[in-house]
N, C-alpha and C. Protein backbone atom coordinates (compact mmCIF):
# COMPACT_ATOMS: atom_id res chain seq x y z
N MET A 1 -4.44 -56.12 -12.29
CA MET A 1 -3.65 -55.46 -11.28
C MET A 1 -4.15 -55.92 -9.91
N SER A 2 -3.21 -56.23 -9.03
CA SER A 2 -3.59 -56.68 -7.69
C SER A 2 -4.23 -55.54 -6.91
N GLU A 3 -4.92 -55.89 -5.83
CA GLU A 3 -5.58 -54.88 -5.00
C GLU A 3 -4.54 -53.94 -4.37
N LYS A 4 -3.40 -54.51 -3.93
CA LYS A 4 -2.34 -53.69 -3.33
C LYS A 4 -1.77 -52.72 -4.36
N ALA A 5 -1.51 -53.21 -5.56
CA ALA A 5 -0.98 -52.35 -6.62
C ALA A 5 -1.97 -51.26 -6.97
N SER A 6 -3.23 -51.60 -7.03
CA SER A 6 -4.28 -50.61 -7.33
C SER A 6 -4.32 -49.52 -6.25
N THR A 7 -4.20 -49.93 -5.00
CA THR A 7 -4.20 -48.98 -3.89
C THR A 7 -3.00 -48.04 -4.00
N LEU A 8 -1.82 -48.59 -4.31
CA LEU A 8 -0.63 -47.76 -4.45
C LEU A 8 -0.76 -46.76 -5.59
N VAL A 9 -1.34 -47.18 -6.69
CA VAL A 9 -1.57 -46.28 -7.82
C VAL A 9 -2.52 -45.15 -7.41
N THR A 10 -3.59 -45.49 -6.73
CA THR A 10 -4.55 -44.49 -6.26
C THR A 10 -3.87 -43.48 -5.33
N GLN A 11 -3.06 -43.98 -4.38
CA GLN A 11 -2.35 -43.09 -3.47
C GLN A 11 -1.36 -42.20 -4.22
N ALA A 12 -0.64 -42.76 -5.18
CA ALA A 12 0.31 -41.96 -5.96
C ALA A 12 -0.40 -40.85 -6.72
N LYS A 13 -1.56 -41.15 -7.30
CA LYS A 13 -2.32 -40.13 -8.01
C LYS A 13 -2.78 -39.03 -7.05
N GLN A 14 -3.21 -39.43 -5.85
CA GLN A 14 -3.64 -38.43 -4.87
C GLN A 14 -2.48 -37.51 -4.49
N TRP A 15 -1.31 -38.09 -4.18
CA TRP A 15 -0.16 -37.26 -3.79
C TRP A 15 0.33 -36.42 -4.96
N ALA A 16 0.24 -36.94 -6.18
CA ALA A 16 0.71 -36.17 -7.34
C ALA A 16 -0.06 -34.86 -7.48
N THR A 17 -1.32 -34.85 -7.06
CA THR A 17 -2.09 -33.60 -7.17
C THR A 17 -1.57 -32.54 -6.21
N GLN A 18 -0.83 -32.94 -5.18
CA GLN A 18 -0.31 -31.99 -4.21
C GLN A 18 0.84 -31.14 -4.76
N TYR A 19 1.40 -31.54 -5.89
CA TYR A 19 2.51 -30.80 -6.47
C TYR A 19 2.04 -29.57 -7.24
N GLY A 20 0.75 -29.44 -7.48
CA GLY A 20 0.24 -28.28 -8.23
C GLY A 20 0.91 -28.18 -9.58
N ASP A 21 1.41 -26.99 -9.89
CA ASP A 21 2.08 -26.75 -11.17
C ASP A 21 3.55 -27.15 -11.15
N PHE A 22 4.01 -27.78 -10.08
CA PHE A 22 5.45 -28.05 -9.90
C PHE A 22 5.76 -29.54 -9.91
N ALA A 23 5.07 -30.31 -10.73
CA ALA A 23 5.15 -31.77 -10.65
C ALA A 23 6.46 -32.37 -11.14
N ASN A 24 7.17 -31.71 -12.03
CA ASN A 24 8.36 -32.32 -12.64
C ASN A 24 9.60 -31.51 -12.34
N GLY A 25 10.73 -32.15 -12.48
CA GLY A 25 12.01 -31.46 -12.38
C GLY A 25 12.44 -31.13 -10.96
N PRO A 26 13.44 -30.28 -10.85
CA PRO A 26 14.02 -29.99 -9.53
C PRO A 26 13.05 -29.29 -8.58
N GLU A 27 12.13 -28.49 -9.12
CA GLU A 27 11.14 -27.84 -8.25
C GLU A 27 10.28 -28.90 -7.55
N GLY A 28 9.83 -29.87 -8.31
CA GLY A 28 9.04 -30.95 -7.72
C GLY A 28 9.85 -31.77 -6.73
N ALA A 29 11.14 -31.95 -7.00
CA ALA A 29 11.99 -32.70 -6.06
C ALA A 29 12.11 -31.93 -4.75
N ALA A 30 12.30 -30.61 -4.82
CA ALA A 30 12.39 -29.81 -3.59
C ALA A 30 11.06 -29.83 -2.84
N LEU A 31 9.95 -29.85 -3.58
CA LEU A 31 8.63 -29.85 -2.95
C LEU A 31 8.35 -31.14 -2.17
N THR A 32 9.15 -32.19 -2.40
CA THR A 32 8.94 -33.41 -1.62
C THR A 32 9.14 -33.16 -0.13
N VAL A 33 9.94 -32.15 0.24
CA VAL A 33 10.16 -31.90 1.68
C VAL A 33 8.87 -31.47 2.37
N PRO A 34 8.15 -30.44 1.88
CA PRO A 34 6.89 -30.12 2.53
C PRO A 34 5.87 -31.27 2.47
N LEU A 35 5.89 -32.06 1.40
CA LEU A 35 4.97 -33.18 1.31
C LEU A 35 5.32 -34.26 2.33
N ARG A 36 6.62 -34.52 2.53
CA ARG A 36 7.02 -35.49 3.55
C ARG A 36 6.70 -34.95 4.93
N ALA A 37 6.84 -33.64 5.12
CA ALA A 37 6.50 -33.03 6.41
C ALA A 37 5.00 -33.21 6.70
N ARG A 38 4.17 -32.98 5.69
CA ARG A 38 2.73 -33.18 5.86
C ARG A 38 2.40 -34.61 6.26
N ALA A 39 3.04 -35.57 5.58
CA ALA A 39 2.78 -36.98 5.88
C ALA A 39 3.20 -37.31 7.30
N ALA A 40 4.37 -36.82 7.72
CA ALA A 40 4.84 -37.08 9.09
C ALA A 40 3.92 -36.44 10.11
N TRP A 41 3.49 -35.20 9.83
CA TRP A 41 2.58 -34.51 10.76
C TRP A 41 1.26 -35.26 10.88
N GLU A 42 0.73 -35.67 9.74
CA GLU A 42 -0.56 -36.38 9.74
C GLU A 42 -0.47 -37.67 10.54
N ALA A 43 0.70 -38.30 10.52
CA ALA A 43 0.92 -39.52 11.30
C ALA A 43 1.29 -39.19 12.75
N ASN A 44 1.38 -37.88 13.07
CA ASN A 44 1.84 -37.42 14.39
C ASN A 44 3.16 -38.09 14.73
N ASP A 45 4.06 -38.12 13.75
CA ASP A 45 5.36 -38.77 13.87
C ASP A 45 6.45 -37.72 14.00
N ALA A 46 6.72 -37.33 15.24
CA ALA A 46 7.70 -36.27 15.50
C ALA A 46 9.10 -36.67 15.03
N ARG A 47 9.47 -37.92 15.17
CA ARG A 47 10.81 -38.37 14.77
C ARG A 47 11.02 -38.20 13.26
N THR A 48 10.06 -38.61 12.47
CA THR A 48 10.20 -38.47 11.01
C THR A 48 10.19 -37.00 10.61
N TYR A 49 9.31 -36.21 11.21
CA TYR A 49 9.27 -34.77 10.91
C TYR A 49 10.61 -34.13 11.24
N ALA A 50 11.13 -34.37 12.44
CA ALA A 50 12.41 -33.78 12.84
C ALA A 50 13.55 -34.28 11.96
N GLY A 51 13.43 -35.51 11.48
CA GLY A 51 14.46 -36.09 10.63
C GLY A 51 14.58 -35.44 9.26
N LEU A 52 13.60 -34.62 8.89
CA LEU A 52 13.68 -33.89 7.62
C LEU A 52 14.69 -32.75 7.69
N PHE A 53 15.02 -32.31 8.90
CA PHE A 53 15.89 -31.16 9.09
C PHE A 53 17.36 -31.56 9.02
N VAL A 54 18.19 -30.66 8.48
CA VAL A 54 19.63 -30.81 8.64
C VAL A 54 19.92 -30.59 10.12
N GLU A 55 21.06 -31.05 10.58
CA GLU A 55 21.36 -31.01 12.03
C GLU A 55 21.20 -29.62 12.63
N ASN A 56 21.64 -28.58 11.92
CA ASN A 56 21.56 -27.22 12.47
C ASN A 56 20.36 -26.45 11.93
N GLY A 57 19.34 -27.16 11.50
CA GLY A 57 18.14 -26.52 10.96
C GLY A 57 17.34 -25.83 12.05
N SER A 58 16.30 -25.10 11.63
CA SER A 58 15.47 -24.40 12.62
C SER A 58 14.01 -24.40 12.18
N GLU A 59 13.15 -24.28 13.18
CA GLU A 59 11.70 -24.28 12.95
C GLU A 59 11.11 -23.18 13.83
N LEU A 60 10.29 -22.33 13.23
CA LEU A 60 9.56 -21.32 14.00
C LEU A 60 8.09 -21.72 13.97
N ILE A 61 7.56 -22.12 15.13
CA ILE A 61 6.15 -22.49 15.26
C ILE A 61 5.53 -21.46 16.20
N GLY A 62 4.61 -20.66 15.68
CA GLY A 62 4.04 -19.58 16.49
C GLY A 62 5.15 -18.66 16.92
N ASP A 63 5.31 -18.48 18.21
CA ASP A 63 6.39 -17.65 18.75
C ASP A 63 7.55 -18.47 19.28
N THR A 64 7.56 -19.76 19.00
CA THR A 64 8.58 -20.65 19.52
C THR A 64 9.62 -20.93 18.45
N GLN A 65 10.87 -20.51 18.71
CA GLN A 65 11.98 -20.77 17.78
C GLN A 65 12.72 -22.02 18.24
N LEU A 66 12.71 -23.03 17.40
CA LEU A 66 13.38 -24.28 17.70
C LEU A 66 14.68 -24.35 16.90
N LYS A 67 15.77 -24.64 17.58
CA LYS A 67 17.09 -24.69 16.93
C LYS A 67 17.60 -26.13 16.94
N GLY A 68 17.75 -26.68 15.77
CA GLY A 68 18.26 -28.03 15.64
C GLY A 68 17.16 -29.08 15.63
N SER A 69 17.45 -30.17 14.97
CA SER A 69 16.46 -31.23 14.82
C SER A 69 16.07 -31.83 16.17
N GLN A 70 16.97 -31.83 17.15
CA GLN A 70 16.64 -32.39 18.47
C GLN A 70 15.56 -31.56 19.16
N GLU A 71 15.66 -30.23 19.09
CA GLU A 71 14.62 -29.37 19.68
C GLU A 71 13.29 -29.54 18.97
N VAL A 72 13.33 -29.70 17.65
CA VAL A 72 12.09 -29.94 16.89
C VAL A 72 11.47 -31.26 17.36
N LEU A 73 12.29 -32.29 17.49
CA LEU A 73 11.80 -33.59 17.95
C LEU A 73 11.15 -33.48 19.33
N GLU A 74 11.82 -32.84 20.28
CA GLU A 74 11.30 -32.72 21.64
C GLU A 74 9.99 -31.93 21.66
N TYR A 75 9.93 -30.81 20.94
CA TYR A 75 8.74 -29.97 20.91
C TYR A 75 7.55 -30.73 20.33
N LEU A 76 7.77 -31.35 19.16
CA LEU A 76 6.65 -32.03 18.50
C LEU A 76 6.24 -33.32 19.21
N THR A 77 7.17 -33.99 19.86
CA THR A 77 6.79 -35.18 20.63
C THR A 77 5.76 -34.77 21.69
N GLU A 78 6.03 -33.68 22.38
CA GLU A 78 5.09 -33.19 23.40
C GLU A 78 3.81 -32.66 22.76
N ALA A 79 3.96 -31.91 21.65
CA ALA A 79 2.78 -31.32 21.00
C ALA A 79 1.84 -32.38 20.44
N PHE A 80 2.40 -33.47 19.88
CA PHE A 80 1.57 -34.53 19.33
C PHE A 80 0.88 -35.35 20.43
N GLU A 81 1.35 -35.23 21.65
CA GLU A 81 0.67 -35.87 22.78
C GLU A 81 -0.37 -34.91 23.38
N GLY A 82 -0.31 -33.63 23.00
CA GLY A 82 -1.19 -32.62 23.56
C GLY A 82 -1.98 -31.90 22.49
N PRO A 83 -1.71 -30.60 22.29
CA PRO A 83 -2.57 -29.76 21.44
C PRO A 83 -2.63 -30.16 19.96
N TYR A 84 -1.59 -30.81 19.44
CA TYR A 84 -1.60 -31.19 18.03
C TYR A 84 -1.95 -32.67 17.82
N ARG A 85 -2.37 -33.36 18.86
CA ARG A 85 -2.73 -34.78 18.74
C ARG A 85 -3.87 -34.92 17.71
N GLY A 86 -3.65 -35.79 16.73
CA GLY A 86 -4.67 -36.04 15.72
C GLY A 86 -4.82 -34.95 14.68
N SER A 87 -3.93 -33.97 14.70
CA SER A 87 -4.04 -32.87 13.72
C SER A 87 -3.33 -33.25 12.43
N ARG A 88 -3.61 -32.46 11.40
CA ARG A 88 -2.94 -32.65 10.11
C ARG A 88 -2.73 -31.30 9.46
N LEU A 89 -1.79 -31.26 8.52
CA LEU A 89 -1.51 -30.03 7.78
C LEU A 89 -2.19 -30.09 6.43
N VAL A 90 -2.74 -28.97 5.99
CA VAL A 90 -3.23 -28.84 4.63
C VAL A 90 -2.51 -27.64 4.04
N GLU A 91 -1.81 -27.86 2.94
CA GLU A 91 -1.03 -26.79 2.33
C GLU A 91 -1.03 -26.95 0.82
N GLU A 92 -0.96 -25.84 0.16
CA GLU A 92 -0.82 -25.81 -1.29
C GLU A 92 0.43 -25.01 -1.63
N PRO A 93 1.24 -25.48 -2.58
CA PRO A 93 2.42 -24.72 -2.97
C PRO A 93 2.01 -23.44 -3.71
N GLU A 94 2.60 -22.33 -3.31
CA GLU A 94 2.36 -21.04 -3.94
C GLU A 94 3.49 -20.67 -4.89
N ASP A 95 4.73 -20.97 -4.47
CA ASP A 95 5.90 -20.59 -5.27
C ASP A 95 7.07 -21.48 -4.88
N ILE A 96 7.88 -21.77 -5.86
CA ILE A 96 9.13 -22.50 -5.63
C ILE A 96 10.21 -21.78 -6.42
N ARG A 97 11.30 -21.42 -5.72
CA ARG A 97 12.43 -20.74 -6.37
C ARG A 97 13.69 -21.53 -6.11
N LEU A 98 14.37 -21.90 -7.18
CA LEU A 98 15.67 -22.54 -7.05
C LEU A 98 16.72 -21.43 -6.95
N ILE A 99 17.38 -21.33 -5.82
CA ILE A 99 18.42 -20.33 -5.62
C ILE A 99 19.72 -20.80 -6.25
N SER A 100 19.96 -22.10 -6.18
CA SER A 100 21.10 -22.75 -6.82
C SER A 100 20.69 -24.20 -7.06
N ASP A 101 21.64 -25.01 -7.51
CA ASP A 101 21.34 -26.42 -7.75
C ASP A 101 21.00 -27.17 -6.47
N ASP A 102 21.41 -26.61 -5.32
CA ASP A 102 21.17 -27.33 -4.07
C ASP A 102 20.49 -26.49 -2.99
N VAL A 103 19.84 -25.40 -3.38
CA VAL A 103 19.09 -24.56 -2.43
C VAL A 103 17.78 -24.13 -3.10
N ALA A 104 16.68 -24.32 -2.39
CA ALA A 104 15.36 -23.91 -2.90
C ALA A 104 14.57 -23.24 -1.79
N VAL A 105 13.73 -22.31 -2.19
CA VAL A 105 12.79 -21.68 -1.27
C VAL A 105 11.39 -22.04 -1.77
N VAL A 106 10.57 -22.57 -0.87
CA VAL A 106 9.20 -22.95 -1.20
C VAL A 106 8.27 -22.13 -0.32
N VAL A 107 7.23 -21.57 -0.92
CA VAL A 107 6.19 -20.86 -0.17
C VAL A 107 4.90 -21.66 -0.33
N THR A 108 4.28 -21.96 0.80
CA THR A 108 3.02 -22.69 0.80
C THR A 108 1.98 -21.89 1.58
N GLN A 109 0.73 -22.21 1.34
CA GLN A 109 -0.35 -21.59 2.11
C GLN A 109 -1.29 -22.69 2.54
N GLY A 110 -1.73 -22.62 3.78
CA GLY A 110 -2.63 -23.64 4.30
C GLY A 110 -2.91 -23.44 5.77
N GLY A 111 -2.86 -24.54 6.51
CA GLY A 111 -3.12 -24.44 7.93
C GLY A 111 -3.10 -25.78 8.62
N VAL A 112 -3.37 -25.72 9.92
CA VAL A 112 -3.46 -26.91 10.75
C VAL A 112 -4.93 -27.24 10.95
N VAL A 113 -5.29 -28.47 10.63
CA VAL A 113 -6.63 -28.96 10.89
C VAL A 113 -6.55 -29.78 12.17
N ARG A 114 -7.19 -29.29 13.20
CA ARG A 114 -7.15 -29.95 14.50
C ARG A 114 -8.07 -31.18 14.50
N SER A 115 -7.79 -32.06 15.42
CA SER A 115 -8.60 -33.27 15.56
C SER A 115 -10.08 -32.91 15.69
N GLY A 116 -10.94 -33.58 14.93
CA GLY A 116 -12.37 -33.33 14.98
C GLY A 116 -12.84 -32.23 14.05
N GLU A 117 -11.92 -31.50 13.43
CA GLU A 117 -12.29 -30.45 12.48
C GLU A 117 -12.18 -30.98 11.06
N THR A 118 -12.90 -30.37 10.13
CA THR A 118 -12.84 -30.80 8.74
C THR A 118 -11.98 -29.87 7.89
N ALA A 119 -11.67 -28.69 8.40
CA ALA A 119 -10.83 -27.72 7.68
C ALA A 119 -10.09 -26.87 8.71
N ALA A 120 -9.06 -26.18 8.25
CA ALA A 120 -8.31 -25.29 9.13
C ALA A 120 -9.17 -24.08 9.46
N LEU A 121 -9.36 -23.82 10.74
CA LEU A 121 -10.10 -22.63 11.17
C LEU A 121 -9.28 -21.40 10.84
N PRO A 122 -9.92 -20.23 10.69
CA PRO A 122 -9.19 -19.02 10.32
C PRO A 122 -7.97 -18.75 11.20
N GLU A 123 -8.09 -19.01 12.49
CA GLU A 123 -6.95 -18.73 13.39
C GLU A 123 -5.82 -19.74 13.25
N ASN A 124 -6.06 -20.82 12.51
CA ASN A 124 -5.02 -21.83 12.29
C ASN A 124 -4.49 -21.83 10.85
N ARG A 125 -4.84 -20.79 10.08
CA ARG A 125 -4.37 -20.68 8.69
C ARG A 125 -3.08 -19.87 8.65
N TYR A 126 -2.20 -20.21 7.73
CA TYR A 126 -0.90 -19.53 7.65
C TYR A 126 -0.31 -19.61 6.24
N ARG A 127 0.72 -18.83 6.05
CA ARG A 127 1.60 -18.93 4.88
C ARG A 127 2.93 -19.40 5.44
N ALA A 128 3.59 -20.32 4.76
CA ALA A 128 4.84 -20.88 5.26
C ALA A 128 5.97 -20.67 4.26
N MET A 129 7.16 -20.49 4.80
CA MET A 129 8.38 -20.39 4.00
C MET A 129 9.29 -21.55 4.40
N TRP A 130 9.72 -22.27 3.40
CA TRP A 130 10.59 -23.44 3.59
C TRP A 130 11.91 -23.18 2.87
N MET A 131 13.03 -23.18 3.57
CA MET A 131 14.36 -23.11 2.95
C MET A 131 14.86 -24.55 2.94
N ILE A 132 15.07 -25.05 1.73
CA ILE A 132 15.38 -26.47 1.53
C ILE A 132 16.74 -26.58 0.88
N VAL A 133 17.56 -27.49 1.37
CA VAL A 133 18.92 -27.67 0.84
C VAL A 133 19.12 -29.13 0.44
N LYS A 134 19.95 -29.34 -0.55
CA LYS A 134 20.26 -30.70 -0.96
C LYS A 134 21.55 -31.11 -0.25
N ARG A 135 21.45 -32.22 0.49
CA ARG A 135 22.61 -32.77 1.20
C ARG A 135 22.73 -34.23 0.85
N ASP A 136 23.90 -34.62 0.37
CA ASP A 136 24.15 -36.02 0.01
C ASP A 136 23.08 -36.56 -0.94
N GLY A 137 22.65 -35.71 -1.88
CA GLY A 137 21.71 -36.13 -2.91
C GLY A 137 20.24 -36.08 -2.50
N ASP A 138 19.94 -35.72 -1.25
CA ASP A 138 18.57 -35.68 -0.76
C ASP A 138 18.19 -34.27 -0.36
N TRP A 139 16.98 -33.85 -0.69
CA TRP A 139 16.49 -32.54 -0.26
C TRP A 139 16.10 -32.62 1.21
N ARG A 140 16.63 -31.67 2.01
CA ARG A 140 16.40 -31.63 3.46
C ARG A 140 15.96 -30.23 3.86
N LEU A 141 15.39 -30.12 5.00
CA LEU A 141 14.86 -28.84 5.49
C LEU A 141 15.91 -28.10 6.31
N PHE A 142 16.22 -26.88 5.89
CA PHE A 142 17.16 -26.04 6.63
C PHE A 142 16.40 -25.16 7.63
N THR A 143 15.35 -24.50 7.15
CA THR A 143 14.54 -23.70 8.05
C THR A 143 13.11 -23.62 7.55
N HIS A 144 12.19 -23.52 8.48
CA HIS A 144 10.76 -23.47 8.18
C HIS A 144 10.11 -22.51 9.16
N GLN A 145 9.27 -21.63 8.63
CA GLN A 145 8.51 -20.75 9.52
C GLN A 145 7.14 -20.51 8.94
N THR A 146 6.19 -20.24 9.82
CA THR A 146 4.84 -19.93 9.40
C THR A 146 4.46 -18.54 9.88
N SER A 147 3.61 -17.88 9.11
CA SER A 147 3.07 -16.58 9.46
C SER A 147 1.56 -16.65 9.37
N PRO A 148 0.86 -16.25 10.44
CA PRO A 148 -0.60 -16.34 10.42
C PRO A 148 -1.23 -15.49 9.32
N LEU A 149 -2.31 -16.00 8.75
CA LEU A 149 -3.04 -15.27 7.72
C LEU A 149 -4.14 -14.41 8.32
N GLY A 150 -4.43 -14.60 9.57
CA GLY A 150 -5.47 -13.80 10.22
C GLY A 150 -6.45 -14.69 10.96
N GLY A 151 -7.33 -14.07 11.69
CA GLY A 151 -8.31 -14.85 12.39
C GLY A 151 -8.46 -14.40 13.83
């Protein structure tokens, strides 16, 4: 196996562990949205993160309600240049519920690890709710909100 192929296999195994008990089937397919969000956040890529949303989607970050993918893009572009620069998300799936063939609710728990930190501090830990919809065969984010766990 080539070095590149070996690296890809290693990365795939690492990401596969992020699915927890939901690795196969439609639950795992819906869970790709939070996983793609994590990857975009870790890259501080506001455009890719905002692109996960349907056009009329919404994001609640702290006390800030963002309406539409354009507002998400503008907010995170600024945040990744400031307080969230170099940060990453750590989350574990807690529950996935298929409401229909094209609607899922995912609950995750985790937090934001700020630049220079090795884990999410208590004040940066949260539980998140993801409403995910299937559009044109792809799972997309309709709404996402976080609730602090304490700290």
